[in-house]
Amino acid sequence: MRRRACRTPRIGAESSCSFPPAPDASDDLSPAGPRILALHLPWLATEVLRLPGPILTWHMLGNRRLVAAVDAEAVALGLRPGQTLGDAQALAPEVAALPHRPEAAAARLSALALWALRIAPLVAPDPPDGLLVNIAGTRAVLGEEETVMRRAVAGLARLGHAASAAVAGTTGAAMVLARCGIPARVPAGGEAAVLAPLPLSALRGAEVPHLDLARLGLHRIGDLLAQPRGPLVRRFGAGLALALDRATGAVAEPFRSIRPVPDRHVALDFEEPLITRTAIDAAADRLLARLCAALAEEGRGLRRLVLRAHRADGGVQEVSVGLGLAGRDPRHLSRLLAPKLEALAPGFGFDRIALMAEETEPLAAAQPGFGAEDERAALAALLDRVAQRLPAWRLHPRESHWPERAVERAAPLVPVPVPAGWAARPRPLRLLRRPERLEAMAVLPDEPPFRIRWRGTWFQVRAGEGPERLAPEWWRDRPGRPMRDYYRLEMADGRRFWICRAGGPGEGGWFLHGLMP
């Protein structure tokens, strides 16, 4: 679809710069084979310091200070990681030396992984200084792979990071090429031929024993590929062979994306970043209309919706809403989303907003006029609005006679089957989270108490029933857990308590466990 140029920024106008809107259909994100865009940030460890170069960072190894990372200017002066700090300062005394901060680089890499979600929905960090993006199936939207590489490198440069990029059918091959600074686009199945002339130091995912391999005359990846696999594994372990197989595509490698691939997602880029709440609301409403229309065509409804807002400075913010019943009404979703948008901090503005349908399920077209269905839908809409501000749940019976295990929390609208024989005896309306200790006086050991002392006050018992003896569930409980005797008591002031004695008569303590209706 052609997009017209827009000289005057408009609310919700799609941008002709940066990355185009992401594909709408999830089918486009699941092609026959992956296409991995690898981005290598060689100076990340020094770029996070935000200082003018030349810079090096150092760390302690035993009692020695070694160079951990350098920037491009320091490399030009002849410095390299692994040198002693004294040698580096003697060679280039003008270089600023700072303690190494790997946690800062790791945090920045995580932030950049969120930024890369504007390229495609599947992104994985490759520590310590790499990003992997699965761009398979996005050609119709993002353009040719060379264009995607160029835009990704330019986007990182605007954020203050130098990067090199490569695209291949495997994560190993793509990252090897990116780390070598080769901006290649490798066709599927051609990974082995492209990797063959590269040095072993570029191989990803294994501790390559360079010296041992060099003594055998093996200096490049192609030299290893030409060796019989059996002797190679016996001498150097299976890790080296696995790294080779993953790089060449002989063995599949899992792609651990920071976010799950959505069932469907839509997005808008903006020439002028959005700052005002009115503009953000307008963009969200426009995206909701598109998303719900697409879901209606597929006969599906939303259960979980995520809005992801990309700031012009590279920051990313997310808000989400959940639905008790699947739905696709844009007005209802807009009402649920509106309170969450208050938490967004635009800063210098959002230049991209995306909506992700992370959970969907089949949903037939609505048929108004059926009383039960209309009431259920109205209740679901009410609970959805309540659940955005307060926790909403219902109790779900469980097959257990132990009181604190007899129920569990469940979603408000899920069906609740009741196990046979559950709650055959009266149970308290409110079960205390933590039973409170009390004292009790009874005429006989198994008789209900006639007086109890709770929170420092004595209460006279007007009527009592019990005991109801509960034995521990041996298949769940620890050995030796005491049994419990429960009593239902009515006080002189009308209050009704559910108390228990942990252990046999004369052995255990007394506790208030619940309040009877």
Protein backbone atom coordinates (compact mmCIF):
# COMPACT_ATOMS: atom_id res chain seq x y z
CA MET A 1 0.00 0.00 0.00
CA ARG A 2 1.38 3.41 -0.98
CA ARG A 3 1.64 6.08 1.65
CA ARG A 4 1.39 9.71 0.65
CA ALA A 5 3.95 12.19 1.87
CA CYS A 6 2.77 14.43 4.67
CA ARG A 7 4.37 17.83 5.15
CA THR A 8 2.23 18.84 8.12
CA PRO A 9 2.23 16.32 11.00
CA ARG A 10 -1.19 14.88 11.76
CA ILE A 11 -2.49 12.91 14.70
CA GLY A 12 -2.11 9.26 13.81
CA ALA A 13 -0.24 9.95 10.58
CA GLU A 14 1.96 7.07 9.52
CA SER A 15 5.59 8.03 9.26
CA SER A 16 7.72 7.69 6.16
CA CYS A 17 10.87 7.48 8.28
CA SER A 18 12.10 4.88 10.74
CA PHE A 19 10.40 1.49 10.48
CA PRO A 20 6.98 1.12 8.84
CA PRO A 21 4.02 -0.24 10.80
CA ALA A 22 4.45 -3.84 11.79
CA PRO A 23 2.45 -6.52 9.97
CA ASP A 24 -1.15 -7.07 11.02
CA ALA A 25 -1.43 -10.82 10.65
CA SER A 26 0.43 -13.27 12.79
CA ASP A 27 0.71 -15.63 9.83
CA ASP A 28 3.25 -13.24 8.35
CA LEU A 29 5.43 -13.74 11.44
CA SER A 30 5.67 -17.51 11.16
CA PRO A 31 7.31 -18.36 7.83
CA ALA A 32 8.77 -21.67 6.76
CA GLY A 33 12.25 -20.68 7.96
CA PRO A 34 13.73 -17.93 10.14
CA ARG A 35 15.60 -14.91 8.83
CA ILE A 36 17.74 -13.48 11.59
CA LEU A 37 18.95 -9.90 11.69
CA ALA A 38 22.01 -9.75 13.96
CA LEU A 39 23.15 -6.40 15.38
CA HIS A 40 26.57 -6.18 17.01
CA LEU A 41 27.38 -3.19 19.24
CA PRO A 42 31.18 -3.44 19.63
CA TRP A 43 31.60 -0.37 21.87
CA LEU A 44 28.56 -0.84 24.09
CA ALA A 45 30.58 -1.22 27.32
CA THR A 46 32.15 2.24 26.83
CA GLU A 47 29.17 3.94 25.16
CA VAL A 48 27.05 3.45 28.31
CA LEU A 49 29.51 5.67 30.20
CA ARG A 50 28.36 8.67 28.10
CA LEU A 51 31.81 10.28 28.15
CA PRO A 52 33.96 11.67 25.31
CA GLY A 53 36.71 9.32 24.17
CA PRO A 54 39.20 7.86 24.16
CA ILE A 55 38.05 5.60 27.01
CA LEU A 56 38.96 2.23 28.43
CA THR A 57 37.44 0.24 31.28
CA TRP A 58 39.35 -2.10 33.55
CA HIS A 59 38.54 -4.98 35.92
CA MET A 60 40.44 -7.02 38.48
CA LEU A 61 41.66 -10.53 37.67
CA GLY A 62 43.34 -11.88 40.76
CA ASN A 63 45.70 -9.08 41.81
CA ARG A 64 46.05 -7.64 38.28
CA ARG A 65 44.15 -4.83 36.62
CA LEU A 66 43.29 -5.75 33.04
CA VAL A 67 41.65 -3.76 30.27
CA ALA A 68 38.04 -5.00 29.92
CA ALA A 69 36.73 -2.82 27.09
CA VAL A 70 37.86 0.04 24.87
CA ASP A 71 36.18 2.46 22.50
CA ALA A 72 37.00 3.07 18.83
CA GLU A 73 39.41 5.93 19.59
CA ALA A 74 41.35 3.82 22.06
CA VAL A 75 41.62 1.02 19.50
CA ALA A 76 43.14 3.51 17.06
CA LEU A 77 45.82 4.21 19.68
CA GLY A 78 46.73 0.51 19.82
CA LEU A 79 44.81 -0.55 22.94
CA ARG A 80 43.06 -3.91 23.18
CA PRO A 81 41.02 -5.76 25.83
CA GLY A 82 43.19 -8.11 27.86
CA GLN A 83 46.16 -5.76 28.23
CA THR A 84 47.30 -4.86 31.70
CA LEU A 85 46.15 -1.41 32.75
CA GLY A 86 49.75 -0.29 33.32
CA ASP A 87 50.78 -1.24 29.78
CA ALA A 88 47.74 0.49 28.32
CA GLN A 89 48.38 3.73 30.23
CA ALA A 90 52.05 3.66 29.28
CA LEU A 91 51.12 3.25 25.61
CA ALA A 92 48.38 5.92 25.64
CA PRO A 93 48.42 8.03 28.83
CA GLU A 94 45.72 10.37 27.49
CA VAL A 95 43.09 7.60 27.57
CA ALA A 96 40.58 7.88 30.43
CA ALA A 97 40.53 4.68 32.54
CA LEU A 98 37.31 3.84 34.39
CA PRO A 99 36.10 0.76 36.33
CA HIS A 100 34.25 -1.75 34.16
CA ARG A 101 30.45 -1.68 34.61
CA PRO A 102 29.02 -4.85 33.05
CA GLU A 103 25.68 -4.32 34.83
CA ALA A 104 25.22 -0.97 33.06
CA ALA A 105 25.94 -2.54 29.67
CA ALA A 106 23.54 -5.41 30.41
CA ALA A 107 20.77 -3.00 31.41
CA ARG A 108 21.31 -0.94 28.27
CA LEU A 109 21.24 -4.07 26.11
CA SER A 110 17.89 -5.02 27.64
CA ALA A 111 16.54 -1.53 26.90
CA LEU A 112 17.77 -1.75 23.31
CA ALA A 113 16.07 -5.13 22.93
CA LEU A 114 12.77 -3.42 23.77
CA TRP A 115 13.60 -0.69 21.24
CA ALA A 116 14.21 -3.37 18.58
CA LEU A 117 10.60 -4.54 18.92
CA ARG A 118 9.77 -1.74 16.48
CA ILE A 119 11.58 -3.75 13.82
CA ALA A 120 9.77 -7.07 14.36
CA PRO A 121 7.88 -8.74 17.25
CA LEU A 122 10.54 -11.40 17.94
CA VAL A 123 13.71 -9.98 19.55
CA ALA A 124 16.34 -11.65 21.72
CA PRO A 125 19.43 -10.11 23.35
CA ASP A 126 22.75 -11.82 22.66
CA PRO A 127 24.96 -10.81 25.61
CA PRO A 128 27.22 -9.07 26.11
CA ASP A 129 26.82 -6.79 23.07
CA GLY A 130 24.45 -8.26 20.49
CA LEU A 131 20.79 -8.21 19.44
CA LEU A 132 18.92 -10.78 17.35
CA VAL A 133 15.71 -9.97 15.47
CA ASN A 134 13.66 -12.53 13.55
CA ILE A 135 12.49 -10.58 10.47
CA ALA A 136 11.08 -13.58 8.59
CA GLY A 137 7.84 -12.83 6.81
CA THR A 138 8.13 -9.03 7.17
CA ARG A 139 9.46 -8.23 3.69
CA ALA A 140 6.11 -6.91 2.44
CA VAL A 141 6.07 -4.37 5.28
CA LEU A 142 9.70 -3.63 6.15
CA GLY A 143 11.12 -3.87 2.63
CA GLU A 144 14.23 -5.70 1.43
CA GLU A 145 16.60 -7.10 4.02
CA GLU A 146 19.32 -4.63 3.02
CA THR A 147 16.91 -1.80 3.81
CA VAL A 148 16.07 -3.28 7.19
CA MET A 149 19.78 -3.61 8.03
CA ARG A 150 20.46 -0.02 7.06
CA ARG A 151 17.51 1.34 9.05
CA ALA A 152 18.43 -0.68 12.13
CA VAL A 153 22.01 0.58 12.13
CA ALA A 154 20.82 4.16 11.56
CA GLY A 155 18.30 3.85 14.40
CA LEU A 156 20.96 2.67 16.82
CA ALA A 157 23.25 5.47 15.70
CA ARG A 158 20.57 8.02 16.59
CA LEU A 159 20.54 6.48 20.09
CA GLY A 160 24.31 6.87 20.35
CA HIS A 161 25.44 3.32 19.51
CA ALA A 162 27.64 2.19 16.65
CA ALA A 163 26.53 -1.14 15.22
CA SER A 164 27.17 -3.60 12.44
CA ALA A 165 24.43 -5.78 10.95
CA ALA A 166 24.05 -9.00 9.00
CA VAL A 167 21.17 -11.27 7.99
CA ALA A 168 21.27 -15.07 7.68
CA GLY A 169 19.08 -18.10 8.19
CA THR A 170 20.67 -18.99 11.56
CA THR A 171 21.42 -16.91 14.63
CA GLY A 172 24.97 -18.25 14.76
CA ALA A 173 25.86 -17.30 11.18
CA ALA A 174 24.22 -13.89 11.39
CA MET A 175 26.00 -12.95 14.62
CA VAL A 176 29.38 -14.25 13.40
CA LEU A 177 29.12 -12.02 10.33
CA ALA A 178 27.97 -9.04 12.39
CA ARG A 179 30.84 -9.45 14.87
CA CYS A 180 33.28 -9.56 11.97
CA GLY A 181 31.80 -6.36 10.57
CA ILE A 182 30.61 -8.03 7.36
CA PRO A 183 27.25 -6.49 6.32
CA ALA A 184 26.23 -9.64 4.44
CA ARG A 185 22.84 -11.01 3.52
CA VAL A 186 23.22 -14.79 3.37
CA PRO A 187 20.61 -16.78 1.42
CA ALA A 188 19.08 -19.75 3.20
CA GLY A 189 21.40 -22.75 3.05
CA GLY A 190 24.49 -20.69 2.24
CA GLU A 191 25.73 -20.24 5.79
CA ALA A 192 28.54 -22.82 5.67
CA ALA A 193 30.12 -21.33 2.54
CA VAL A 194 30.05 -17.79 3.95
CA LEU A 195 31.45 -18.81 7.34
CA ALA A 196 34.28 -20.97 6.00
CA PRO A 197 36.93 -18.20 5.53
CA LEU A 198 36.23 -16.51 8.89
CA PRO A 199 38.49 -16.99 11.95
CA LEU A 200 37.57 -19.34 14.75
CA SER A 201 37.49 -16.43 17.22
CA ALA A 202 34.25 -15.28 15.60
CA LEU A 203 32.42 -18.54 16.31
CA ARG A 204 29.47 -17.97 18.63
CA GLY A 205 28.30 -20.12 21.53
CA ALA A 206 31.42 -22.06 22.45
CA GLU A 207 34.77 -21.61 24.19
CA VAL A 208 37.01 -22.26 21.21
CA PRO A 209 40.45 -23.64 22.20
CA HIS A 210 42.34 -21.46 19.69
CA LEU A 211 45.85 -22.48 20.68
CA ASP A 212 45.13 -26.20 20.61
CA LEU A 213 43.40 -25.91 17.24
CA ALA A 214 46.19 -23.73 15.84
CA ARG A 215 48.75 -26.41 16.73
CA LEU A 216 46.75 -28.74 14.54
CA GLY A 217 46.75 -26.23 11.69
CA LEU A 218 43.08 -25.28 12.16
CA HIS A 219 42.67 -21.51 12.00
CA ARG A 220 39.36 -20.89 10.25
CA ILE A 221 35.79 -22.13 10.55
CA GLY A 222 36.10 -23.90 7.21
CA ASP A 223 39.05 -25.90 8.58
CA LEU A 224 36.83 -27.27 11.34
CA LEU A 225 33.94 -28.00 8.96
CA ALA A 226 36.26 -30.14 6.88
CA GLN A 227 37.27 -32.33 9.83
CA PRO A 228 35.60 -35.66 10.69
CA ARG A 229 33.08 -34.94 13.41
CA GLY A 230 33.84 -37.97 15.63
CA PRO A 231 37.51 -37.20 16.42
CA LEU A 232 36.65 -33.50 16.80
CA VAL A 233 34.02 -34.26 19.46
CA ARG A 234 36.22 -36.76 21.31
CA ARG A 235 39.10 -34.30 21.58
CA PHE A 236 37.37 -30.94 22.09
CA GLY A 237 33.92 -31.85 23.38
CA ALA A 238 30.41 -31.69 21.99
CA GLY A 239 30.05 -27.93 22.61
CA LEU A 240 32.33 -26.99 19.72
CA ALA A 241 30.54 -29.33 17.34
CA LEU A 242 27.14 -28.02 18.47
CA ALA A 243 28.24 -24.42 17.83
CA LEU A 244 29.31 -25.38 14.29
CA ASP A 245 26.03 -27.20 13.60
CA ARG A 246 23.93 -24.31 14.87
CA ALA A 247 25.87 -21.76 12.85
CA THR A 248 25.49 -23.73 9.62
CA GLY A 249 21.85 -24.67 10.25
CA ALA A 250 22.44 -28.40 10.68
CA VAL A 251 20.88 -28.17 14.15
CA ALA A 252 18.02 -25.81 15.03
CA GLU A 253 18.68 -23.22 17.74
CA PRO A 254 15.83 -21.94 19.94
CA PHE A 255 15.00 -18.25 19.63
CA ARG A 256 14.28 -16.91 23.12
CA SER A 257 12.35 -13.74 22.40
CA ILE A 258 11.85 -11.19 25.17
CA ARG A 259 8.16 -11.04 24.25
CA PRO A 260 5.87 -13.76 22.89
CA VAL A 261 4.72 -13.37 19.32
CA PRO A 262 1.23 -11.81 19.39
CA ASP A 263 -1.70 -13.44 17.65
CA ARG A 264 -2.16 -10.18 15.79
CA HIS A 265 -0.69 -6.73 16.07
CA VAL A 266 -0.99 -3.31 14.47
CA ALA A 267 1.15 -0.20 14.79
CA LEU A 268 1.53 3.43 13.74
CA ASP A 269 4.67 5.51 13.28
CA PHE A 270 4.51 9.29 13.59
CA GLU A 271 6.47 12.01 11.85
CA GLU A 272 5.98 14.27 14.85
CA PRO A 273 6.20 12.47 18.23
CA LEU A 274 2.98 12.46 20.25
CA ILE A 275 3.15 14.33 23.54
CA THR A 276 -0.41 15.25 24.52
CA ARG A 277 -2.91 12.84 26.03
CA THR A 278 -5.46 13.78 23.37
CA ALA A 279 -3.11 12.70 20.59
CA ILE A 280 -2.25 9.45 22.34
CA ASP A 281 -5.94 8.65 22.88
CA ALA A 282 -6.68 9.34 19.23
CA ALA A 283 -3.90 7.04 18.10
CA ALA A 284 -5.02 4.27 20.46
CA ASP A 285 -8.63 4.53 19.24
CA ARG A 286 -7.50 4.34 15.63
CA LEU A 287 -5.44 1.24 16.32
CA LEU A 288 -8.26 -0.37 18.30
CA ALA A 289 -10.64 0.07 15.37
CA ARG A 290 -8.16 -1.60 13.01
CA LEU A 291 -7.38 -4.42 15.39
CA CYS A 292 -11.01 -5.22 16.23
CA ALA A 293 -12.02 -5.13 12.57
CA ALA A 294 -9.29 -7.63 11.75
CA LEU A 295 -10.31 -9.89 14.64
CA ALA A 296 -13.95 -9.76 13.49
CA GLU A 297 -12.92 -10.96 10.02
CA GLU A 298 -11.15 -13.93 11.63
CA GLY A 299 -13.96 -14.69 14.08
CA ARG A 300 -11.74 -14.21 17.12
CA GLY A 301 -11.94 -12.18 20.32
CA LEU A 302 -9.40 -10.61 22.66
CA ARG A 303 -8.51 -11.90 26.09
CA ARG A 304 -5.33 -9.85 26.65
CA LEU A 305 -4.38 -6.57 24.97
CA VAL A 306 -0.98 -4.84 25.26
CA LEU A 307 -0.20 -1.28 24.17
CA ARG A 308 3.49 -0.62 23.55
CA ALA A 309 4.62 3.00 23.20
CA HIS A 310 8.09 3.75 21.80
CA ARG A 311 9.61 7.06 22.84
CA ALA A 312 11.68 9.20 20.52
CA ASP A 313 14.68 8.77 22.84
CA GLY A 314 14.54 4.96 22.53
CA GLY A 315 12.59 4.21 25.71
CA VAL A 316 9.67 1.78 25.63
CA GLN A 317 6.60 1.69 27.87
CA GLU A 318 3.85 -0.93 28.01
CA VAL A 319 0.37 -1.12 29.50
CA SER A 320 -2.00 -4.08 29.29
CA VAL A 321 -5.63 -4.96 29.94
CA GLY A 322 -7.30 -8.34 30.35
CA LEU A 323 -10.85 -9.39 29.62
CA GLY A 324 -12.92 -11.91 31.55
CA LEU A 325 -14.67 -13.00 28.36
CA ALA A 326 -13.31 -12.71 24.84
CA GLY A 327 -14.45 -9.51 23.15
CA ARG A 328 -13.69 -7.11 20.32
CA ASP A 329 -15.79 -4.03 21.04
CA PRO A 330 -13.52 -0.99 20.42
CA ARG A 331 -15.55 1.25 22.75
CA HIS A 332 -15.32 -1.20 25.66
CA LEU A 333 -11.59 -1.73 25.07
CA SER A 334 -11.05 2.03 24.89
CA ARG A 335 -12.76 2.48 28.28
CA LEU A 336 -10.53 -0.22 29.79
CA LEU A 337 -7.38 1.22 28.24
CA ALA A 338 -8.01 4.87 29.13
CA PRO A 339 -7.04 4.65 32.86
CA LYS A 340 -3.87 2.75 31.98
CA LEU A 341 -2.75 5.49 29.55
CA GLU A 342 -2.44 7.86 32.51
CA ALA A 343 0.70 5.98 33.53
CA LEU A 344 2.49 6.75 30.24
CA ALA A 345 5.28 9.34 30.41
CA PRO A 346 5.85 10.66 26.86
CA GLY A 347 8.95 12.72 27.65
CA PHE A 348 10.01 14.03 24.24
CA GLY A 349 7.09 12.15 22.70
CA PHE A 350 6.11 8.74 21.30
CA ASP A 351 7.11 8.17 17.69
CA ARG A 352 5.52 4.72 17.50
CA ILE A 353 2.51 3.10 19.18
CA ALA A 354 1.59 -0.56 18.72
CA LEU A 355 -1.28 -2.74 19.92
CA MET A 356 -0.73 -6.46 20.47
CA ALA A 357 -3.44 -9.08 20.78
CA GLU A 358 -1.39 -11.45 22.94
CA GLU A 359 -4.26 -13.81 23.80
CA THR A 360 -7.25 -14.48 21.57
CA GLU A 361 -9.85 -17.19 21.24
CA PRO A 362 -12.68 -18.02 18.79
CA LEU A 363 -15.65 -15.66 19.13
CA ALA A 364 -18.80 -15.89 17.09
CA ALA A 365 -20.72 -12.80 16.03
CA ALA A 366 -22.89 -11.37 18.81
CA GLN A 367 -26.63 -12.12 18.69
CA PRO A 368 -28.50 -9.55 20.84
CA GLY A 369 -31.84 -10.43 22.36
CA PHE A 370 -30.83 -13.53 24.30
CA GLY A 371 -31.34 -12.56 27.94
CA ALA A 372 -28.80 -14.89 29.56
CA GLU A 373 -26.06 -14.03 27.05
CA ASP A 374 -26.74 -10.30 27.34
CA GLU A 375 -26.57 -10.47 31.13
CA ARG A 376 -23.35 -12.47 31.02
CA ALA A 377 -21.80 -9.96 28.61
CA ALA A 378 -22.91 -7.03 30.80
CA LEU A 379 -21.43 -8.70 33.90
CA ALA A 380 -18.19 -9.39 32.05
CA ALA A 381 -17.96 -5.75 30.97
CA LEU A 382 -18.49 -4.58 34.54
CA LEU A 383 -15.88 -6.98 35.94
CA ASP A 384 -13.41 -5.94 33.25
CA ARG A 385 -13.67 -2.32 34.38
CA VAL A 386 -13.38 -3.24 38.05
CA ALA A 387 -10.39 -5.53 37.43
CA GLN A 388 -8.33 -2.67 35.97
CA ARG A 389 -8.21 -1.02 39.42
CA LEU A 390 -8.97 -3.79 41.92
CA PRO A 391 -8.28 -7.53 41.98
CA ALA A 392 -11.34 -9.48 40.86
CA TRP A 393 -11.63 -13.21 41.47
CA ARG A 394 -13.93 -15.92 42.76
CA LEU A 395 -13.38 -19.00 44.89
CA HIS A 396 -12.92 -22.30 43.15
CA PRO A 397 -13.64 -25.48 45.18
CA ARG A 398 -10.86 -28.05 45.49
CA GLU A 399 -10.96 -31.69 46.46
CA SER A 400 -9.55 -31.37 49.97
CA HIS A 401 -11.07 -31.59 53.44
CA TRP A 402 -8.29 -29.47 54.97
CA PRO A 403 -9.92 -26.01 55.37
CA GLU A 404 -7.17 -23.83 53.94
CA ARG A 405 -6.92 -26.08 50.88
CA ALA A 406 -10.63 -26.43 50.18
CA VAL A 407 -10.76 -23.38 47.87
CA GLU A 408 -8.47 -21.49 45.51
CA ARG A 409 -8.72 -18.29 43.53
CA ALA A 410 -10.08 -18.40 39.97
CA ALA A 411 -11.03 -15.90 37.30
CA PRO A 412 -14.46 -14.34 37.96
CA LEU A 413 -16.25 -15.86 34.96
CA VAL A 414 -14.68 -19.31 34.60
CA PRO A 415 -16.99 -22.30 35.18
CA VAL A 416 -16.73 -23.63 38.74
CA PRO A 417 -17.47 -27.37 39.05
CA VAL A 418 -18.13 -28.47 42.63
CA PRO A 419 -16.50 -31.79 43.64
CA ALA A 420 -18.84 -34.44 45.02
CA GLY A 421 -19.30 -34.12 48.78
CA TRP A 422 -17.55 -30.74 48.97
CA ALA A 423 -18.72 -28.61 51.93
CA ALA A 424 -21.04 -31.33 53.21
CA ARG A 425 -20.72 -29.75 56.66
CA PRO A 426 -21.17 -26.07 57.59
CA ARG A 427 -18.12 -23.93 56.95
CA PRO A 428 -17.25 -20.35 58.02
CA LEU A 429 -18.17 -17.41 55.82
CA ARG A 430 -14.71 -15.98 56.42
CA LEU A 431 -11.61 -18.10 57.01
CA LEU A 432 -8.81 -16.23 58.73
CA ARG A 433 -5.57 -16.06 56.74
CA ARG A 434 -3.62 -16.63 59.96
CA PRO A 435 -5.49 -18.44 62.80
CA GLU A 436 -5.44 -16.53 66.09
CA ARG A 437 -4.49 -18.28 69.31
CA LEU A 438 -7.03 -18.39 72.15
CA GLU A 439 -7.68 -20.14 75.46
CA ALA A 440 -10.65 -22.45 76.08
CA MET A 441 -12.33 -24.08 79.10
CA ALA A 442 -14.45 -27.24 78.71
CA VAL A 443 -16.14 -29.64 81.12
CA LEU A 444 -14.86 -32.76 79.34
CA PRO A 445 -11.90 -33.09 76.93
CA ASP A 446 -14.06 -33.60 73.81
CA GLU A 447 -16.93 -31.34 74.84
CA PRO A 448 -17.33 -27.86 73.26
CA PRO A 449 -15.77 -25.11 75.43
CA PHE A 450 -18.09 -23.11 77.67
CA ARG A 451 -15.70 -20.14 77.91
CA ILE A 452 -12.96 -18.83 75.62
CA ARG A 453 -10.40 -16.04 75.99
CA TRP A 454 -9.65 -14.20 72.74
CA ARG A 455 -7.57 -11.02 72.36
CA GLY A 456 -7.39 -10.65 76.13
CA THR A 457 -11.17 -10.87 76.74
CA TRP A 458 -13.20 -13.76 78.14
CA PHE A 459 -16.38 -14.72 76.26
CA GLN A 460 -19.22 -16.87 77.53
CA VAL A 461 -20.35 -19.58 75.08
CA ARG A 462 -24.11 -19.83 74.71
CA ALA A 463 -24.16 -22.93 72.45
CA GLY A 464 -21.60 -25.20 70.81
CA GLU A 465 -21.35 -28.13 68.41
CA GLY A 466 -18.52 -30.55 67.81
CA PRO A 467 -16.02 -31.92 67.58
CA GLU A 468 -15.48 -32.45 63.84
CA ARG A 469 -12.19 -34.29 63.63
CA LEU A 470 -9.99 -33.73 60.55
CA ALA A 471 -6.97 -35.93 59.95
CA PRO A 472 -3.97 -34.63 57.96
CA GLU A 473 -3.79 -35.48 54.26
CA TRP A 474 -0.93 -37.95 54.38
CA TRP A 475 -0.31 -37.69 50.63
CA ARG A 476 0.37 -33.94 51.01
CA ASP A 477 1.38 -33.22 54.60
CA ARG A 478 4.61 -33.73 56.42
CA PRO A 479 4.81 -36.77 58.72
CA GLY A 480 3.64 -36.14 62.28
CA ARG A 481 1.32 -33.23 61.51
CA PRO A 482 -1.32 -33.16 64.29
CA MET A 483 -5.00 -33.72 63.66
CA ARG A 484 -7.56 -31.02 64.34
CA ASP A 485 -10.86 -30.95 66.25
CA TYR A 486 -13.22 -28.19 65.06
CA TYR A 487 -16.13 -26.67 67.06
CA ARG A 488 -18.89 -24.26 66.07
CA LEU A 489 -19.59 -21.85 68.94
CA GLU A 490 -22.21 -19.16 69.48
CA MET A 491 -21.24 -16.39 71.90
CA ALA A 492 -23.60 -14.63 74.31
CA ASP A 493 -23.45 -11.49 72.14
CA GLY A 494 -24.59 -13.48 69.06
CA ARG A 495 -21.26 -13.87 67.28
CA ARG A 496 -20.45 -17.32 65.93
CA PHE A 497 -16.89 -18.65 65.85
CA TRP A 498 -15.24 -21.63 64.22
CA ILE A 499 -12.42 -22.77 66.50
CA CYS A 500 -10.11 -25.74 66.47
CA ARG A 501 -7.79 -27.64 68.73
CA ALA A 502 -4.59 -28.73 67.02
CA GLY A 503 -3.71 -32.14 68.46
CA GLY A 504 -5.58 -34.54 70.70
CA PRO A 505 -7.37 -33.67 73.99
CA GLY A 506 -4.96 -32.08 76.43
CA GLU A 507 -2.16 -32.00 73.88
CA GLY A 508 -2.55 -29.06 71.47
CA GLY A 509 -3.42 -25.39 71.48
CA TRP A 510 -6.68 -23.67 70.62
CA PHE A 511 -7.13 -21.34 67.65
CA LEU A 512 -9.84 -19.19 66.11
CA HIS A 513 -9.89 -20.21 62.43
CA GLY A 514 -13.07 -18.64 61.01
CA LEU A 515 -16.22 -16.61 61.48
CA MET A 516 -19.52 -18.41 60.93
CA PRO A 517 -22.50 -16.72 59.21
